[in-house]
Amino acid sequence: MYTVTGELSHDNANAVVAAGLSAIAAGQSAFDLSALTKIDSSAVAVMIAWQRQAIQKGVQLQFSGYSASLLSLLALYGLNEQFQLHTPERH
């Protein structure tokens, strides 16, 4: 599992894209977003870039640990159906 940490914003989006693409190239398909401390709309663009790369490789990405803010952004752009968002079961 690849864990995305810290901030994901316009300031570091290119670096985050590159790190995620490297993870995909190394065989990662599960992305944990729970360690993100801050996001902006750049997070959506980053996820789209990762998804495109994964599709080209024939891989389905799964995202977990996403925030309500990210879900709201995806819904705003009409993209929530485009991503495998894994919601863990609650006991």
PDB file of N, CA and C in Angstrom:
ATOM      1  N   MET A   1       0.849  -1.177   0.000  1.00  0.00           N
ATOM      2  CA  MET A   1       0.000   0.000   0.000  1.00  0.00           C
ATOM      3  C   MET A   1       0.895   1.241   0.000  1.00  0.00           C
ATOM      4  N   TYR A   2       0.531   2.188  -0.822  1.00  0.00           N
ATOM      5  CA  TYR A   2       1.261   3.451  -0.894  1.00  0.00           C
ATOM      6  C   TYR A   2       0.513   4.473  -0.047  1.00  0.00           C
ATOM      7  N   THR A   3       1.202   5.078   0.912  1.00  0.00           N
ATOM      8  CA  THR A   3       0.597   6.067   1.795  1.00  0.00           C
ATOM      9  C   THR A   3       1.030   7.463   1.381  1.00  0.00           C
ATOM     10  N   VAL A   4       0.053   8.305   1.133  1.00  0.00           N
ATOM     11  CA  VAL A   4       0.302   9.696   0.765  1.00  0.00           C
ATOM     12  C   VAL A   4       0.250  10.506   2.061  1.00  0.00           C
ATOM     13  N   THR A   5       1.302  11.286   2.329  1.00  0.00           N
ATOM     14  CA  THR A   5       1.389  11.983   3.608  1.00  0.00           C
ATOM     15  C   THR A   5       1.502  13.493   3.434  1.00  0.00           C
ATOM     16  N   GLY A   6       1.179  14.200   4.500  1.00  0.00           N
ATOM     17  CA  GLY A   6       1.374  15.645   4.531  1.00  0.00           C
ATOM     18  C   GLY A   6       0.305  16.407   3.779  1.00  0.00           C
ATOM     19  N   GLU A   7       0.760  17.426   3.101  1.00  0.00           N
ATOM     20  CA  GLU A   7      -0.123  18.332   2.373  1.00  0.00           C
ATOM     21  C   GLU A   7      -0.141  17.969   0.889  1.00  0.00           C
ATOM     22  N   LEU A   8      -1.311  18.098   0.275  1.00  0.00           N
ATOM     23  CA  LEU A   8      -1.423  17.921  -1.170  1.00  0.00           C
ATOM     24  C   LEU A   8      -2.123  19.162  -1.699  1.00  0.00           C
ATOM     25  N   SER A   9      -1.321  20.063  -2.234  1.00  0.00           N
ATOM     26  CA  SER A   9      -1.859  21.333  -2.716  1.00  0.00           C
ATOM     27  C   SER A   9      -1.165  21.724  -4.013  1.00  0.00           C
ATOM     28  N   HIS A  10      -1.560  22.847  -4.529  1.00  0.00           N
ATOM     29  CA  HIS A  10      -0.968  23.367  -5.760  1.00  0.00           C
ATOM     30  C   HIS A  10       0.557  23.461  -5.645  1.00  0.00           C
ATOM     31  N   ASP A  11       1.044  23.785  -4.458  1.00  0.00           N
ATOM     32  CA  ASP A  11       2.481  23.975  -4.249  1.00  0.00           C
ATOM     33  C   ASP A  11       3.310  22.711  -4.461  1.00  0.00           C
ATOM     34  N   ASN A  12       2.745  21.548  -4.156  1.00  0.00           N
ATOM     35  CA  ASN A  12       3.531  20.316  -4.268  1.00  0.00           C
ATOM     36  C   ASN A  12       2.869  19.244  -5.133  1.00  0.00           C
ATOM     37  N   ALA A  13       1.850  19.610  -5.889  1.00  0.00           N
ATOM     38  CA  ALA A  13       1.100  18.623  -6.676  1.00  0.00           C
ATOM     39  C   ALA A  13       1.985  17.851  -7.653  1.00  0.00           C
ATOM     40  N   ASN A  14       2.903  18.522  -8.331  1.00  0.00           N
ATOM     41  CA  ASN A  14       3.763  17.823  -9.291  1.00  0.00           C
ATOM     42  C   ASN A  14       4.620  16.766  -8.613  1.00  0.00           C
ATOM     43  N   ALA A  15       5.159  17.084  -7.450  1.00  0.00           N
ATOM     44  CA  ALA A  15       5.979  16.116  -6.717  1.00  0.00           C
ATOM     45  C   ALA A  15       5.137  14.934  -6.238  1.00  0.00           C
ATOM     46  N   VAL A  16       3.914  15.212  -5.792  1.00  0.00           N
ATOM     47  CA  VAL A  16       3.027  14.148  -5.324  1.00  0.00           C
ATOM     48  C   VAL A  16       2.610  13.260  -6.494  1.00  0.00           C
ATOM     49  N   VAL A  17       2.326  13.861  -7.648  1.00  0.00           N
ATOM     50  CA  VAL A  17       2.009  13.069  -8.847  1.00  0.00           C
ATOM     51  C   VAL A  17       3.173  12.144  -9.166  1.00  0.00           C
ATOM     52  N   ALA A  18       4.378  12.691  -9.208  1.00  0.00           N
ATOM     53  CA  ALA A  18       5.563  11.900  -9.564  1.00  0.00           C
ATOM     54  C   ALA A  18       5.774  10.745  -8.587  1.00  0.00           C
ATOM     55  N   ALA A  19       5.615  11.001  -7.302  1.00  0.00           N
ATOM     56  CA  ALA A  19       5.794   9.944  -6.303  1.00  0.00           C
ATOM     57  C   ALA A  19       4.750   8.845  -6.486  1.00  0.00           C
ATOM     58  N   GLY A  20       3.508   9.239  -6.741  1.00  0.00           N
ATOM     59  CA  GLY A  20       2.452   8.253  -6.963  1.00  0.00           C
ATOM     60  C   GLY A  20       2.662   7.451  -8.236  1.00  0.00           C
ATOM     61  N   LEU A  21       3.122   8.108  -9.298  1.00  0.00           N
ATOM     62  CA  LEU A  21       3.404   7.397 -10.552  1.00  0.00           C
ATOM     63  C   LEU A  21       4.529   6.390 -10.354  1.00  0.00           C
ATOM     64  N   SER A  22       5.521   6.750  -9.548  1.00  0.00           N
ATOM     65  CA  SER A  22       6.601   5.808  -9.228  1.00  0.00           C
ATOM     66  C   SER A  22       6.059   4.615  -8.456  1.00  0.00           C
ATOM     67  N   ALA A  23       5.139   4.873  -7.537  1.00  0.00           N
ATOM     68  CA  ALA A  23       4.529   3.786  -6.775  1.00  0.00           C
ATOM     69  C   ALA A  23       3.744   2.853  -7.694  1.00  0.00           C
ATOM     70  N   ILE A  24       3.007   3.418  -8.636  1.00  0.00           N
ATOM     71  CA  ILE A  24       2.250   2.603  -9.594  1.00  0.00           C
ATOM     72  C   ILE A  24       3.209   1.781 -10.446  1.00  0.00           C
ATOM     73  N   ALA A  25       4.280   2.398 -10.911  1.00  0.00           N
ATOM     74  CA  ALA A  25       5.279   1.687 -11.720  1.00  0.00           C
ATOM     75  C   ALA A  25       5.915   0.545 -10.933  1.00  0.00           C
ATOM     76  N   ALA A  26       5.993   0.702  -9.600  1.00  0.00           N
ATOM     77  CA  ALA A  26       6.573  -0.334  -8.743  1.00  0.00           C
ATOM     78  C   ALA A  26       5.552  -1.404  -8.361  1.00  0.00           C
ATOM     79  N   GLY A  27       4.315  -1.279  -8.866  1.00  0.00           N
ATOM     80  CA  GLY A  27       3.311  -2.308  -8.628  1.00  0.00           C
ATOM     81  C   GLY A  27       2.269  -1.986  -7.573  1.00  0.00           C
ATOM     82  N   GLN A  28       2.319  -0.797  -7.013  1.00  0.00           N
ATOM     83  CA  GLN A  28       1.316  -0.424  -6.008  1.00  0.00           C
ATOM     84  C   GLN A  28      -0.012  -0.094  -6.683  1.00  0.00           C
ATOM     85  N   SER A  29      -1.098  -0.533  -6.072  1.00  0.00           N
ATOM     86  CA  SER A  29      -2.423  -0.188  -6.596  1.00  0.00           C
ATOM     87  C   SER A  29      -3.363   0.303  -5.501  1.00  0.00           C
ATOM     88  N   ALA A  30      -2.964   0.154  -4.248  1.00  0.00           N
ATOM     89  CA  ALA A  30      -3.764   0.629  -3.122  1.00  0.00           C
ATOM     90  C   ALA A  30      -3.118   1.889  -2.563  1.00  0.00           C
ATOM     91  N   PHE A  31      -3.885   2.963  -2.529  1.00  0.00           N
ATOM     92  CA  PHE A  31      -3.390   4.257  -2.068  1.00  0.00           C
ATOM     93  C   PHE A  31      -4.132   4.655  -0.794  1.00  0.00           C
ATOM     94  N   ASP A  32      -3.383   4.855   0.279  1.00  0.00           N
ATOM     95  CA  ASP A  32      -3.943   5.277   1.560  1.00  0.00           C
ATOM     96  C   ASP A  32      -3.777   6.788   1.693  1.00  0.00           C
ATOM     97  N   LEU A  33      -4.880   7.489   1.791  1.00  0.00           N
ATOM     98  CA  LEU A  33      -4.868   8.950   1.858  1.00  0.00           C
ATOM     99  C   LEU A  33      -5.092   9.471   3.274  1.00  0.00           C
ATOM    100  N   SER A  34      -5.106   8.584   4.262  1.00  0.00           N
ATOM    101  CA  SER A  34      -5.453   8.984   5.630  1.00  0.00           C
ATOM    102  C   SER A  34      -4.416   9.886   6.289  1.00  0.00           C
ATOM    103  N   ALA A  35      -3.187   9.905   5.803  1.00  0.00           N
ATOM    104  CA  ALA A  35      -2.139  10.731   6.410  1.00  0.00           C
ATOM    105  C   ALA A  35      -2.041  12.122   5.783  1.00  0.00           C
ATOM    106  N   LEU A  36      -2.944  12.436   4.861  1.00  0.00           N
ATOM    107  CA  LEU A  36      -2.957  13.788   4.296  1.00  0.00           C
ATOM    108  C   LEU A  36      -3.480  14.767   5.344  1.00  0.00           C
ATOM    109  N   THR A  37      -2.755  15.851   5.528  1.00  0.00           N
ATOM    110  CA  THR A  37      -3.149  16.835   6.534  1.00  0.00           C
ATOM    111  C   THR A  37      -3.919  18.005   5.940  1.00  0.00           C
ATOM    112  N   LYS A  38      -3.738  18.242   4.644  1.00  0.00           N
ATOM    113  CA  LYS A  38      -4.413  19.352   3.977  1.00  0.00           C
ATOM    114  C   LYS A  38      -4.495  19.040   2.491  1.00  0.00           C
ATOM    115  N   ILE A  39      -5.645  19.353   1.890  1.00  0.00           N
ATOM    116  CA  ILE A  39      -5.788  19.188   0.441  1.00  0.00           C
ATOM    117  C   ILE A  39      -6.465  20.417  -0.140  1.00  0.00           C
ATOM    118  N   ASP A  40      -6.272  20.597  -1.433  1.00  0.00           N
ATOM    119  CA  ASP A  40      -7.071  21.557  -2.184  1.00  0.00           C
ATOM    120  C   ASP A  40      -7.500  20.858  -3.468  1.00  0.00           C
ATOM    121  N   SER A  41      -8.046  21.588  -4.400  1.00  0.00           N
ATOM    122  CA  SER A  41      -8.567  20.971  -5.624  1.00  0.00           C
ATOM    123  C   SER A  41      -7.481  20.275  -6.440  1.00  0.00           C
ATOM    124  N   SER A  42      -6.230  20.563  -6.168  1.00  0.00           N
ATOM    125  CA  SER A  42      -5.131  19.874  -6.854  1.00  0.00           C
ATOM    126  C   SER A  42      -5.155  18.376  -6.576  1.00  0.00           C
ATOM    127  N   ALA A  43      -5.716  17.985  -5.443  1.00  0.00           N
ATOM    128  CA  ALA A  43      -5.797  16.563  -5.107  1.00  0.00           C
ATOM    129  C   ALA A  43      -6.568  15.793  -6.175  1.00  0.00           C
ATOM    130  N   VAL A  44      -7.604  16.406  -6.704  1.00  0.00           N
ATOM    131  CA  VAL A  44      -8.399  15.756  -7.753  1.00  0.00           C
ATOM    132  C   VAL A  44      -7.549  15.569  -9.007  1.00  0.00           C
ATOM    133  N   ALA A  45      -6.815  16.589  -9.397  1.00  0.00           N
ATOM    134  CA  ALA A  45      -5.945  16.487 -10.576  1.00  0.00           C
ATOM    135  C   ALA A  45      -4.880  15.418 -10.379  1.00  0.00           C
ATOM    136  N   VAL A  46      -4.339  15.322  -9.179  1.00  0.00           N
ATOM    137  CA  VAL A  46      -3.332  14.306  -8.872  1.00  0.00           C
ATOM    138  C   VAL A  46      -3.936  12.914  -9.016  1.00  0.00           C
ATOM    139  N   MET A  47      -5.117  12.711  -8.464  1.00  0.00           N
ATOM    140  CA  MET A  47      -5.769  11.406  -8.564  1.00  0.00           C
ATOM    141  C   MET A  47      -6.079  11.043 -10.012  1.00  0.00           C
ATOM    142  N   ILE A  48      -6.467  12.022 -10.818  1.00  0.00           N
ATOM    143  CA  ILE A  48      -6.735  11.769 -12.238  1.00  0.00           C
ATOM    144  C   ILE A  48      -5.456  11.328 -12.939  1.00  0.00           C
ATOM    145  N   ALA A  49      -4.343  11.983 -12.656  1.00  0.00           N
ATOM    146  CA  ALA A  49      -3.063  11.604 -13.269  1.00  0.00           C
ATOM    147  C   ALA A  49      -2.679  10.181 -12.880  1.00  0.00           C
ATOM    148  N   TRP A  50      -2.851   9.844 -11.613  1.00  0.00           N
ATOM    149  CA  TRP A  50      -2.543   8.482 -11.173  1.00  0.00           C
ATOM    150  C   TRP A  50      -3.460   7.479 -11.865  1.00  0.00           C
ATOM    151  N   GLN A  51      -4.744   7.814 -11.944  1.00  0.00           N
ATOM    152  CA  GLN A  51      -5.716   6.900 -12.558  1.00  0.00           C
ATOM    153  C   GLN A  51      -5.389   6.665 -14.030  1.00  0.00           C
ATOM    154  N   ARG A  52      -5.021   7.700 -14.746  1.00  0.00           N
ATOM    155  CA  ARG A  52      -4.658   7.547 -16.163  1.00  0.00           C
ATOM    156  C   ARG A  52      -3.490   6.580 -16.322  1.00  0.00           C
ATOM    157  N   GLN A  53      -2.470   6.764 -15.498  1.00  0.00           N
ATOM    158  CA  GLN A  53      -1.299   5.883 -15.564  1.00  0.00           C
ATOM    159  C   GLN A  53      -1.691   4.442 -15.251  1.00  0.00           C
ATOM    160  N   ALA A  54      -2.508   4.267 -14.231  1.00  0.00           N
ATOM    161  CA  ALA A  54      -2.935   2.925 -13.847  1.00  0.00           C
ATOM    162  C   ALA A  54      -3.722   2.259 -14.973  1.00  0.00           C
ATOM    163  N   ILE A  55      -4.613   2.998 -15.607  1.00  0.00           N
ATOM    164  CA  ILE A  55      -5.406   2.453 -16.712  1.00  0.00           C
ATOM    165  C   ILE A  55      -4.493   2.016 -17.846  1.00  0.00           C
ATOM    166  N   GLN A  56      -3.486   2.823 -18.153  1.00  0.00           N
ATOM    167  CA  GLN A  56      -2.534   2.459 -19.208  1.00  0.00           C
ATOM    168  C   GLN A  56      -1.796   1.167 -18.873  1.00  0.00           C
ATOM    169  N   LYS A  57      -1.595   0.905 -17.592  1.00  0.00           N
ATOM    170  CA  LYS A  57      -0.911  -0.308 -17.156  1.00  0.00           C
ATOM    171  C   LYS A  57      -1.880  -1.462 -16.898  1.00  0.00           C
ATOM    172  N   GLY A  58      -3.179  -1.205 -17.071  1.00  0.00           N
ATOM    173  CA  GLY A  58      -4.173  -2.250 -16.839  1.00  0.00           C
ATOM    174  C   GLY A  58      -4.406  -2.536 -15.370  1.00  0.00           C
ATOM    175  N   VAL A  59      -4.206  -1.530 -14.528  1.00  0.00           N
ATOM    176  CA  VAL A  59      -4.331  -1.678 -13.081  1.00  0.00           C
ATOM    177  C   VAL A  59      -5.504  -0.837 -12.587  1.00  0.00           C
ATOM    178  N   GLN A  60      -6.238  -1.359 -11.611  1.00  0.00           N
ATOM    179  CA  GLN A  60      -7.325  -0.611 -10.976  1.00  0.00           C
ATOM    180  C   GLN A  60      -6.832  -0.106  -9.628  1.00  0.00           C
ATOM    181  N   LEU A  61      -6.767   1.199  -9.468  1.00  0.00           N
ATOM    182  CA  LEU A  61      -6.348   1.774  -8.192  1.00  0.00           C
ATOM    183  C   LEU A  61      -7.491   1.720  -7.195  1.00  0.00           C
ATOM    184  N   GLN A  62      -7.133   1.543  -5.927  1.00  0.00           N
ATOM    185  CA  GLN A  62      -8.098   1.613  -4.837  1.00  0.00           C
ATOM    186  C   GLN A  62      -7.605   2.656  -3.850  1.00  0.00           C
ATOM    187  N   PHE A  63      -8.503   3.533  -3.445  1.00  0.00           N
ATOM    188  CA  PHE A  63      -8.168   4.603  -2.513  1.00  0.00           C
ATOM    189  C   PHE A  63      -8.884   4.364  -1.195  1.00  0.00           C
ATOM    190  N   SER A  64      -8.164   4.547  -0.101  1.00  0.00           N
ATOM    191  CA  SER A  64      -8.762   4.450   1.228  1.00  0.00           C
ATOM    192  C   SER A  64      -8.278   5.625   2.068  1.00  0.00           C
ATOM    193  N   GLY A  65      -8.950   5.847   3.185  1.00  0.00           N
ATOM    194  CA  GLY A  65      -8.539   6.891   4.104  1.00  0.00           C
ATOM    195  C   GLY A  65      -8.783   8.300   3.614  1.00  0.00           C
ATOM    196  N   TYR A  66      -9.675   8.452   2.671  1.00  0.00           N
ATOM    197  CA  TYR A  66      -9.952   9.772   2.105  1.00  0.00           C
ATOM    198  C   TYR A  66     -10.857  10.565   3.047  1.00  0.00           C
ATOM    199  N   SER A  67     -10.728  11.863   2.982  1.00  0.00           N
ATOM    200  CA  SER A  67     -11.490  12.754   3.860  1.00  0.00           C
ATOM    201  C   SER A  67     -12.832  13.137   3.235  1.00  0.00           C
ATOM    202  N   ALA A  68     -13.688  13.677   4.073  1.00  0.00           N
ATOM    203  CA  ALA A  68     -14.964  14.204   3.586  1.00  0.00           C
ATOM    204  C   ALA A  68     -14.722  15.348   2.605  1.00  0.00           C
ATOM    205  N   SER A  69     -13.657  16.108   2.831  1.00  0.00           N
ATOM    206  CA  SER A  69     -13.325  17.212   1.920  1.00  0.00           C
ATOM    207  C   SER A  69     -13.012  16.694   0.522  1.00  0.00           C
ATOM    208  N   LEU A  70     -12.260  15.608   0.450  1.00  0.00           N
ATOM    209  CA  LEU A  70     -11.922  15.041  -0.852  1.00  0.00           C
ATOM    210  C   LEU A  70     -13.169  14.486  -1.530  1.00  0.00           C
ATOM    211  N   LEU A  71     -14.007  13.803  -0.774  1.00  0.00           N
ATOM    212  CA  LEU A  71     -15.267  13.302  -1.344  1.00  0.00           C
ATOM    213  C   LEU A  71     -16.105  14.445  -1.893  1.00  0.00           C
ATOM    214  N   SER A  72     -16.134  15.540  -1.168  1.00  0.00           N
ATOM    215  CA  SER A  72     -16.889  16.709  -1.603  1.00  0.00           C
ATOM    216  C   SER A  72     -16.327  17.277  -2.905  1.00  0.00           C
ATOM    217  N   LEU A  73     -15.001  17.352  -3.005  1.00  0.00           N
ATOM    218  CA  LEU A  73     -14.381  17.840  -4.243  1.00  0.00           C
ATOM    219  C   LEU A  73     -14.685  16.917  -5.417  1.00  0.00           C
ATOM    220  N   LEU A  74     -14.575  15.606  -5.191  1.00  0.00           N
ATOM    221  CA  LEU A  74     -14.868  14.654  -6.265  1.00  0.00           C
ATOM    222  C   LEU A  74     -16.321  14.783  -6.719  1.00  0.00           C
ATOM    223  N   ALA A  75     -17.227  14.944  -5.766  1.00  0.00           N
ATOM    224  CA  ALA A  75     -18.643  15.111  -6.107  1.00  0.00           C
ATOM    225  C   ALA A  75     -18.867  16.416  -6.868  1.00  0.00           C
ATOM    226  N   LEU A  76     -18.194  17.473  -6.447  1.00  0.00           N
ATOM    227  CA  LEU A  76     -18.322  18.766  -7.108  1.00  0.00           C
ATOM    228  C   LEU A  76     -17.963  18.670  -8.585  1.00  0.00           C
ATOM    229  N   TYR A  77     -16.912  17.899  -8.876  1.00  0.00           N
ATOM    230  CA  TYR A  77     -16.463  17.735 -10.261  1.00  0.00           C
ATOM    231  C   TYR A  77     -17.145  16.563 -10.967  1.00  0.00           C
ATOM    232  N   GLY A  78     -18.063  15.883 -10.277  1.00  0.00           N
ATOM    233  CA  GLY A  78     -18.781  14.759 -10.870  1.00  0.00           C
ATOM    234  C   GLY A  78     -17.898  13.551 -11.112  1.00  0.00           C
ATOM    235  N   LEU A  79     -16.911  13.349 -10.242  1.00  0.00           N
ATOM    236  CA  LEU A  79     -15.924  12.290 -10.469  1.00  0.00           C
ATOM    237  C   LEU A  79     -15.963  11.160  -9.446  1.00  0.00           C
ATOM    238  N   ASN A  80     -16.894  11.182  -8.497  1.00  0.00           N
ATOM    239  CA  ASN A  80     -16.852  10.146  -7.473  1.00  0.00           C
ATOM    240  C   ASN A  80     -17.037   8.741  -8.030  1.00  0.00           C
ATOM    241  N   GLU A  81     -17.666   8.592  -9.166  1.00  0.00           N
ATOM    242  CA  GLU A  81     -17.834   7.267  -9.766  1.00  0.00           C
ATOM    243  C   GLU A  81     -16.585   6.814 -10.528  1.00  0.00           C
ATOM    244  N   GLN A  82     -15.650   7.702 -10.752  1.00  0.00           N
ATOM    245  CA  GLN A  82     -14.452   7.380 -11.535  1.00  0.00           C
ATOM    246  C   GLN A  82     -13.370   6.683 -10.716  1.00  0.00           C
ATOM    247  N   PHE A  83     -13.516   6.684  -9.394  1.00  0.00           N
ATOM    248  CA  PHE A  83     -12.464   6.158  -8.535  1.00  0.00           C
ATOM    249  C   PHE A  83     -12.989   5.048  -7.645  1.00  0.00           C
ATOM    250  N   GLN A  84     -12.128   4.033  -7.398  1.00  0.00           N
ATOM    251  CA  GLN A  84     -12.435   2.968  -6.451  1.00  0.00           C
ATOM    252  C   GLN A  84     -12.158   3.512  -5.061  1.00  0.00           C
ATOM    253  N   LEU A  85     -13.194   3.907  -4.360  1.00  0.00           N
ATOM    254  CA  LEU A  85     -13.035   4.436  -3.013  1.00  0.00           C
ATOM    255  C   LEU A  85     -13.445   3.358  -2.033  1.00  0.00           C
ATOM    256  N   HIS A  86     -12.485   2.843  -1.300  1.00  0.00           N
ATOM    257  CA  HIS A  86     -12.721   1.744  -0.367  1.00  0.00           C
ATOM    258  C   HIS A  86     -13.082   2.312   0.996  1.00  0.00           C
ATOM    259  N   THR A  87     -14.267   1.948   1.469  1.00  0.00           N
ATOM    260  CA  THR A  87     -14.701   2.358   2.800  1.00  0.00           C
ATOM    261  C   THR A  87     -14.598   1.153   3.719  1.00  0.00           C
ATOM    262  N   PRO A  88     -13.735   1.228   4.732  1.00  0.00           N
ATOM    263  CA  PRO A  88     -13.600   0.081   5.633  1.00  0.00           C
ATOM    264  C   PRO A  88     -14.886  -0.155   6.419  1.00  0.00           C
ATOM    265  N   GLU A  89     -15.129  -1.418   6.734  1.00  0.00           N
ATOM    266  CA  GLU A  89     -16.302  -1.759   7.535  1.00  0.00           C
ATOM    267  C   GLU A  89     -16.107  -1.248   8.949  1.00  0.00           C
ATOM    268  N   ARG A  90     -17.194  -0.790   9.537  1.00  0.00           N
ATOM    269  CA  ARG A  90     -17.144  -0.335  10.933  1.00  0.00           C
ATOM    270  C   ARG A  90     -17.852  -1.375  11.790  1.00  0.00           C
ATOM    271  N   HIS A  91     -17.257  -1.674  12.923  1.00  0.00           N
ATOM    272  CA  HIS A  91     -17.837  -2.681  13.829  1.00  0.00           C
ATOM    273  C   HIS A  91     -18.396  -2.029  15.053  1.00  0.00           C
TER     274      HIS A  91
END
